[in-house]
Protein backbone atom coordinates (compact mmCIF):
# COMPACT_ATOMS: atom_id res chain seq x y z
CA MET A 1 90.64 120.34 98.70
CA GLU A 2 87.99 122.96 99.44
CA ALA A 3 87.14 124.08 102.96
CA GLN A 4 83.60 122.69 102.77
CA ASN A 5 85.06 119.21 102.23
CA ARG A 6 87.01 119.17 105.50
CA ILE A 7 86.08 117.83 108.91
CA LYS A 8 88.00 119.80 111.50
CA LYS A 9 86.01 120.00 114.72
CA ASN A 10 86.84 117.54 117.47
CA GLN A 11 83.12 117.13 118.22
CA GLU A 12 82.47 115.92 114.66
CA PHE A 13 85.40 113.49 114.82
CA ASN A 14 84.07 112.02 118.08
CA ARG A 15 80.57 111.66 116.61
CA LEU A 16 81.97 109.89 113.56
CA TYR A 17 84.14 107.55 115.64
CA LYS A 18 81.03 106.42 117.50
CA ARG A 19 78.63 105.86 114.60
CA SER A 20 80.66 105.11 111.47
CA LYS A 21 81.24 101.88 109.63
CA ARG A 22 84.88 100.88 109.45
CA TYR A 23 86.73 99.47 106.47
CA TYR A 24 90.32 98.29 106.30
CA ASN A 25 93.06 97.22 104.01
CA LYS A 26 96.78 96.75 104.58
CA ASN A 27 97.56 100.47 104.52
CA PHE A 28 94.41 102.32 105.59
CA ARG A 29 91.54 102.35 108.02
CA ILE A 30 88.60 104.48 106.94
CA LEU A 31 85.40 105.34 108.75
CA VAL A 32 82.35 106.15 106.63
CA SER A 33 79.10 107.73 107.73
CA ASN A 34 76.17 109.49 106.07
CA ASN A 35 76.36 113.28 106.29
CA GLY A 36 73.09 114.54 104.77
CA ARG A 37 74.93 116.97 102.51
CA ASP A 38 75.41 117.25 98.75
CA TYR A 39 79.16 116.78 98.98
CA PRO A 40 81.63 114.46 100.71
CA ARG A 41 83.70 115.58 103.69
CA PHE A 42 87.07 114.25 104.84
CA GLY A 43 89.04 114.14 108.04
CA PHE A 44 92.49 112.72 108.65
CA THR A 45 93.93 110.99 111.69
CA VAL A 46 97.71 110.81 111.64
CA THR A 47 99.15 110.13 115.08
CA ARG A 48 102.60 110.88 116.48
CA LYS A 49 103.85 107.35 115.86
CA TYR A 50 104.45 108.47 112.25
CA GLY A 51 107.23 110.71 113.41
CA LYS A 52 107.68 114.44 113.54
CA ALA A 53 105.20 116.95 112.18
CA ASN A 54 106.88 117.21 108.78
CA LYS A 55 106.28 113.50 108.09
CA ARG A 56 102.69 113.64 109.35
CA ASN A 57 102.00 116.69 107.21
CA LYS A 58 103.56 115.07 104.15
CA ILE A 59 101.18 112.11 104.30
CA ARG A 60 98.22 114.46 104.86
CA ARG A 61 99.19 116.60 101.87
CA ARG A 62 99.49 113.55 99.66
CA LEU A 63 96.12 112.19 100.76
CA LYS A 64 94.42 115.55 100.19
CA GLU A 65 95.83 115.71 96.67
CA ILE A 66 94.72 112.15 95.91
CA ILE A 67 91.22 113.01 97.11
CA ARG A 68 91.14 116.28 95.17
CA LEU A 69 92.07 114.54 91.91
CA ASN A 70 89.68 111.61 92.47
CA MET A 71 86.67 113.39 94.01
CA ASP A 72 84.30 111.57 91.63
CA ILE A 73 84.88 108.17 93.32
CA PHE A 74 83.56 109.39 96.69
CA GLU A 75 79.91 109.37 97.66
CA ASN A 76 78.25 112.18 99.65
CA LYS A 77 79.39 110.85 103.01
CA ASP A 78 81.78 111.73 105.80
CA TYR A 79 85.13 109.93 105.67
CA ILE A 80 87.83 109.74 108.30
CA ILE A 81 91.03 108.39 106.78
CA ALA A 82 93.67 106.91 109.08
CA PRO A 83 96.77 105.67 107.26
CA ASN A 84 98.95 103.01 108.85
CA PHE A 85 102.50 103.99 109.75
CA GLN A 86 104.13 102.14 106.82
CA THR A 87 102.42 104.51 104.36
CA ILE A 88 105.12 107.11 105.09
CA ASP A 89 107.56 105.13 102.93
CA MET A 90 105.13 104.54 100.04
CA ASP A 91 105.39 106.46 96.81
CA TYR A 92 102.46 108.50 95.54
CA LYS A 93 101.09 105.97 92.99
CA ASP A 94 101.06 103.10 95.50
CA LEU A 95 99.38 105.32 98.08
CA GLU A 96 96.71 106.30 95.55
CA LYS A 97 96.11 102.70 94.51
CA SER A 98 95.75 101.56 98.11
CA LEU A 99 93.33 104.36 99.02
CA LYS A 100 91.20 103.63 95.96
CA HIS A 101 91.15 99.96 96.96
CA VAL A 102 89.79 100.62 100.45
CA ILE A 103 87.21 103.07 99.04
CA ALA A 104 86.08 100.36 96.61
CA ILE A 105 85.70 97.97 99.56
CA SER A 106 83.52 100.49 101.38
CA LYS A 107 81.34 101.10 98.32
CA ARG A 108 80.86 97.37 97.81
CA HIS A 109 79.63 96.95 101.40
CA ILE A 110 77.45 100.06 101.35
CA ASP A 111 75.66 98.91 98.18
CA GLU A 112 74.80 95.50 99.68
């Protein structure tokens, strides 16, 4: 995933937590907000309840790769993706399917 597609600053995360719409499924919570740019941006929230840093980084790496390969399904918005703790044990295909599902839910509600 390119650097322009990342949300890193704490100030931006706080702004998005306050004004974003939230969408859920069994494995993910995502926050979506307009960004006024020509490209989507992504941030990840993986807390310590997932375990040590190697497990948290593993889930982040998988999510970044899923996003990189499926960039066409995302609109030009800001997304904060917060996986639930049981996603650590999921294999890659199930993780991808679940993320696509929650993105589809968000698109359906945005279009209405």
